[in-house]
């Protein structure tokens, strides 16, 4: 099933702009830091909104036909001999076998591992890259790639086209993505969105800190800690992340004969 999807998507690869200035300043930085000229003119930001809008349109257009997918985060610094890299490949394979595409940041490390495992298993491997001061190109295992200039646009794609997250060990970027996903789930912006932490030794300290300090201070509720599950098994991670959506039917739909969800 996914092999068909890969053929359909083969001509949809996006690599961003073809020409970049040698000393190009990242778009996120120009958005957040105003120059003296901009302060005087007050014209730069309104026009920048149109560029941001066009990036949303480009992303929506490119990813609209991806189908069911799981977004996976993790360090860009992991090497192929890293146990987590090997686990990432197994996860990508497991997701592809379940008929799911994978979405990553498209870079090296864990992202490459998951894209690679999915690609080699015949699944659809998607990469949402980001423009950085030091160029980071899409890894070679990406079947459908899109390059973004703005982090917040890219983050929207990670959530909009996925059914859940699997989060491998990583640095500040991975932690940012973890806590953003938790915030969206906690506040009800996303429902039935499994958040799976992969790597018990790596995440246990953080979970203990959340329980011992954040929960104890009353900054979160006990049920907030239940938003995450923890595993060291790629197959179990794939199973957790792809659990079926809960079905809630308040009234039978007489016109279709669809029964209530709890009907025996």
Protein backbone atom coordinates (compact mmCIF):
# COMPACT_ATOMS: atom_id res chain seq x y z
CA UNK A 1 0.00 0.00 0.00
CA UNK A 2 2.71 2.49 0.92
CA UNK A 3 4.76 1.64 -2.17
CA UNK A 4 1.96 3.10 -4.27
CA UNK A 5 2.08 6.23 -2.14
CA UNK A 6 5.80 6.60 -2.72
CA UNK A 7 5.39 6.44 -6.48
CA UNK A 8 2.59 9.00 -6.33
CA UNK A 9 4.72 11.37 -4.26
CA UNK A 10 7.95 11.00 -6.22
CA UNK A 11 7.38 14.19 -8.18
CA UNK A 12 6.34 16.21 -5.11
CA UNK A 13 9.77 16.63 -3.55
CA UNK A 14 10.28 20.21 -2.42
CA UNK A 15 13.73 21.60 -1.77
CA UNK A 16 12.92 25.24 -1.11
CA UNK A 17 14.42 28.11 -3.05
CA UNK A 18 17.01 27.30 -5.67
CA UNK A 19 19.29 30.25 -4.95
CA UNK A 20 20.34 31.50 -1.51
CA UNK A 21 22.70 34.39 -0.76
CA UNK A 22 26.09 33.22 0.52
CA UNK A 23 25.66 35.12 3.80
CA UNK A 24 21.98 34.36 4.19
CA UNK A 25 20.38 35.25 7.54
CA UNK A 26 17.74 32.73 8.73
CA UNK A 27 14.17 33.94 8.30
CA UNK A 28 13.28 33.31 11.95
CA UNK A 29 16.06 35.64 13.02
CA UNK A 30 14.99 38.42 10.69
CA UNK A 31 11.43 38.04 11.97
CA UNK A 32 12.41 38.33 15.65
CA UNK A 33 15.16 40.95 15.34
CA UNK A 34 14.07 44.30 13.91
CA UNK A 35 16.63 46.49 12.21
CA UNK A 36 16.78 50.27 12.64
CA UNK A 37 15.39 50.75 9.13
CA UNK A 38 12.44 48.49 9.92
CA UNK A 39 11.74 50.38 13.12
CA UNK A 40 11.43 53.57 11.08
CA UNK A 41 9.51 52.18 8.13
CA UNK A 42 7.00 49.87 9.85
CA UNK A 43 6.51 48.17 6.48
CA UNK A 44 8.62 45.02 6.68
CA UNK A 45 6.45 42.94 9.00
CA UNK A 46 3.14 43.28 7.08
CA UNK A 47 4.84 42.10 3.89
CA UNK A 48 6.55 39.30 5.78
CA UNK A 49 3.10 37.98 6.73
CA UNK A 50 2.48 37.21 3.06
CA UNK A 51 5.72 35.22 2.86
CA UNK A 52 4.71 33.28 5.96
CA UNK A 53 1.27 32.64 4.47
CA UNK A 54 2.83 31.35 1.27
CA UNK A 55 4.96 28.94 3.29
CA UNK A 56 1.86 27.55 5.00
CA UNK A 57 0.23 27.08 1.58
CA UNK A 58 3.32 25.33 0.23
CA UNK A 59 3.44 22.98 3.20
CA UNK A 60 -0.27 22.18 3.08
CA UNK A 61 -0.09 21.53 -0.64
CA UNK A 62 2.93 19.24 -0.35
CA UNK A 63 1.72 17.16 2.62
CA UNK A 64 -2.01 17.05 2.02
CA UNK A 65 -1.96 13.54 0.52
CA UNK A 66 0.49 11.90 2.91
CA UNK A 67 -2.18 9.78 4.63
CA UNK A 68 -1.88 8.38 8.16
CA UNK A 69 1.52 9.28 9.60
CA UNK A 70 3.54 9.40 12.80
CA UNK A 71 5.96 12.23 13.53
CA UNK A 72 9.27 11.22 15.10
CA UNK A 73 11.70 13.60 16.81
CA UNK A 74 15.26 13.02 18.00
CA UNK A 75 18.84 14.18 17.95
CA UNK A 76 20.53 15.18 14.70
CA UNK A 77 23.87 14.18 16.25
CA UNK A 78 23.34 10.43 16.54
CA UNK A 79 25.66 8.29 14.42
CA UNK A 80 24.80 5.05 12.56
CA UNK A 81 26.53 2.97 15.25
CA UNK A 82 24.44 4.58 18.01
CA UNK A 83 21.93 2.08 19.52
CA UNK A 84 19.22 4.75 19.24
CA UNK A 85 19.97 5.14 15.52
CA UNK A 86 19.44 1.41 15.06
CA UNK A 87 16.24 1.57 17.11
CA UNK A 88 15.07 4.47 14.93
CA UNK A 89 15.49 2.33 11.83
CA UNK A 90 13.47 -0.46 13.42
CA UNK A 91 10.74 2.01 14.36
CA UNK A 92 10.55 3.35 10.80
CA UNK A 93 10.26 -0.21 9.53
CA UNK A 94 7.56 -1.07 12.08
CA UNK A 95 5.51 1.99 11.18
CA UNK A 96 5.78 1.29 7.44
CA UNK A 97 4.59 -2.28 7.99
CA UNK A 98 1.53 -0.89 9.76
CA UNK A 99 0.72 1.28 6.75
CA UNK A 100 1.88 4.56 8.29
CA UNK A 101 4.13 7.20 6.80
CA UNK A 102 6.82 8.76 8.98
CA UNK A 103 7.44 12.49 9.29
CA UNK A 104 10.74 13.79 10.63
CA UNK A 105 12.77 16.98 10.47
CA UNK A 106 14.53 15.45 7.46
CA UNK A 107 18.04 15.92 8.82
CA UNK A 108 20.75 13.50 9.97
CA UNK A 109 20.91 11.40 13.14
CA UNK A 110 17.69 9.92 14.50
CA UNK A 111 15.72 11.65 11.74
CA UNK A 112 17.76 9.89 9.08
CA UNK A 113 17.43 6.57 10.90
CA UNK A 114 13.63 6.69 11.02
CA UNK A 115 13.37 7.90 7.41
CA UNK A 116 15.75 5.15 6.38
CA UNK A 117 13.87 2.36 8.15
CA UNK A 118 10.57 3.47 6.66
CA UNK A 119 11.99 4.02 3.17
CA UNK A 120 13.71 0.63 3.04
CA UNK A 121 10.51 -1.08 4.21
CA UNK A 122 8.56 0.49 1.33
CA UNK A 123 6.78 3.16 3.37
CA UNK A 124 6.42 6.86 2.64
CA UNK A 125 9.28 8.76 4.27
CA UNK A 126 8.62 12.49 4.75
CA UNK A 127 11.12 15.17 5.80
CA UNK A 128 10.24 18.71 6.92
CA UNK A 129 13.59 20.49 6.86
CA UNK A 130 14.42 23.89 8.33
CA UNK A 131 16.67 26.64 7.06
CA UNK A 132 19.61 26.98 9.48
CA UNK A 133 22.73 29.21 9.60
CA UNK A 134 24.77 26.11 8.77
CA UNK A 135 23.00 24.37 5.92
CA UNK A 136 21.25 21.10 6.77
CA UNK A 137 20.15 19.25 3.67
CA UNK A 138 17.45 16.60 3.51
CA UNK A 139 18.79 13.13 4.12
CA UNK A 140 18.82 10.72 1.17
CA UNK A 141 16.07 8.50 2.60
CA UNK A 142 13.38 11.17 2.32
CA UNK A 143 10.77 10.42 -0.37
CA UNK A 144 8.81 13.65 0.10
CA UNK A 145 10.74 16.65 1.38
CA UNK A 146 9.75 20.22 2.17
CA UNK A 147 12.11 22.98 3.30
CA UNK A 148 10.74 25.64 5.67
CA UNK A 149 12.11 29.02 6.71
CA UNK A 150 10.07 29.44 9.89
CA UNK A 151 10.10 27.07 12.83
CA UNK A 152 6.48 27.70 13.76
CA UNK A 153 5.25 26.84 10.25
CA UNK A 154 7.28 23.63 10.29
CA UNK A 155 5.94 22.70 13.73
CA UNK A 156 2.41 23.08 12.46
CA UNK A 157 3.12 20.48 9.76
CA UNK A 158 4.51 18.05 12.31
CA UNK A 159 1.19 18.10 14.18
CA UNK A 160 -1.35 18.61 11.41
CA UNK A 161 -0.37 15.57 9.35
CA UNK A 162 0.41 13.11 12.15
CA UNK A 163 -1.61 10.82 14.39
CA UNK A 164 0.98 10.78 17.18
CA UNK A 165 4.58 11.48 18.22
CA UNK A 166 7.51 9.24 19.07
CA UNK A 167 10.29 11.20 20.74
CA UNK A 168 13.83 9.85 20.87
CA UNK A 169 16.68 11.29 22.95
CA UNK A 170 17.73 14.70 21.72
CA UNK A 171 18.78 18.21 22.63
CA UNK A 172 17.06 21.57 22.96
CA UNK A 173 15.12 21.20 19.71
CA UNK A 174 13.78 17.79 20.71
CA UNK A 175 12.86 19.05 24.18
CA UNK A 176 11.08 22.01 22.62
CA UNK A 177 9.06 19.68 20.40
CA UNK A 178 8.26 17.40 23.37
CA UNK A 179 6.94 20.19 25.57
CA UNK A 180 5.01 21.80 22.74
CA UNK A 181 3.26 18.50 22.05
CA UNK A 182 2.50 18.09 25.77
CA UNK A 183 1.08 21.61 25.92
CA UNK A 184 -1.17 21.00 22.92
CA UNK A 185 -2.44 17.75 24.44
CA UNK A 186 -2.85 19.21 27.93
CA UNK A 187 -4.90 22.14 26.64
CA UNK A 188 -7.06 20.00 24.39
CA UNK A 189 -5.78 21.46 21.12
CA UNK A 190 -5.05 17.92 19.96
CA UNK A 191 -7.05 14.89 21.07
CA UNK A 192 -6.05 11.22 21.07
CA UNK A 193 -2.49 12.14 20.19
CA UNK A 194 -0.15 9.51 21.63
CA UNK A 195 3.16 10.91 22.89
CA UNK A 196 5.68 8.09 23.19
CA UNK A 197 9.08 8.65 24.80
CA UNK A 198 11.68 6.22 23.49
CA UNK A 199 14.62 5.45 25.77
CA UNK A 200 13.98 4.75 29.46
CA UNK A 201 17.50 5.67 30.67
CA UNK A 202 17.35 9.00 28.86
CA UNK A 203 13.89 10.16 29.91
CA UNK A 204 13.54 8.75 33.44
CA UNK A 205 15.37 11.67 35.08
CA UNK A 206 13.13 14.21 33.36
CA UNK A 207 9.98 12.33 34.36
CA UNK A 208 11.16 12.10 37.96
CA UNK A 209 11.87 15.84 37.97
CA UNK A 210 8.41 16.61 36.59
CA UNK A 211 6.83 14.46 39.28
CA UNK A 212 9.05 15.54 42.15
CA UNK A 213 9.15 19.26 41.44
CA UNK A 214 6.63 20.44 38.85
CA UNK A 215 3.76 18.24 40.06
CA UNK A 216 4.65 18.82 43.72
CA UNK A 217 4.52 22.57 43.15
CA UNK A 218 1.02 22.25 41.71
CA UNK A 219 2.13 23.54 38.31
CA UNK A 220 0.66 20.49 36.55
CA UNK A 221 -2.04 17.96 37.42
CA UNK A 222 -1.42 14.23 38.06
CA UNK A 223 -3.25 13.31 34.86
CA UNK A 224 -0.84 15.48 32.83
CA UNK A 225 1.91 12.94 33.46
CA UNK A 226 -0.31 10.30 31.84
CA UNK A 227 -0.04 12.11 28.51
CA UNK A 228 3.29 10.31 27.94
CA UNK A 229 4.20 6.65 27.66
CA UNK A 230 7.70 5.22 27.90
CA UNK A 231 9.31 2.31 26.06
CA UNK A 232 12.58 0.84 24.82
CA UNK A 233 11.01 -1.43 22.20
CA UNK A 234 10.54 -0.13 18.61
CA UNK A 235 7.61 -2.48 17.96
CA UNK A 236 5.89 -1.38 21.15
CA UNK A 237 6.53 2.28 20.29
CA UNK A 238 4.91 1.75 16.87
CA UNK A 239 1.96 0.00 18.50
CA UNK A 240 1.49 2.77 21.07
CA UNK A 241 1.72 5.55 18.48
CA UNK A 242 -0.73 3.98 16.02
CA UNK A 243 -3.50 2.85 18.35
CA UNK A 244 -6.92 3.35 16.71
CA UNK A 245 -8.80 6.55 17.34
CA UNK A 246 -11.49 6.19 20.01
CA UNK A 247 -14.99 6.10 18.55
CA UNK A 248 -17.75 7.99 20.39
CA UNK A 249 -21.25 7.93 18.96
CA UNK A 250 -23.84 9.60 21.19
CA UNK A 251 -26.87 8.65 19.10
CA UNK A 252 -27.37 5.86 16.56
CA UNK A 253 -27.28 7.11 12.99
CA UNK A 254 -30.53 5.65 11.74
CA UNK A 255 -29.91 6.62 8.16
CA UNK A 256 -26.76 4.46 8.00
CA UNK A 257 -27.57 1.92 10.66
CA UNK A 258 -24.39 2.79 12.54
CA UNK A 259 -24.76 1.59 16.16
CA UNK A 260 -23.55 3.28 19.31
CA UNK A 261 -19.89 2.76 20.10
CA UNK A 262 -20.68 0.71 23.23
CA UNK A 263 -23.28 -1.48 21.52
CA UNK A 264 -22.60 -5.20 21.77
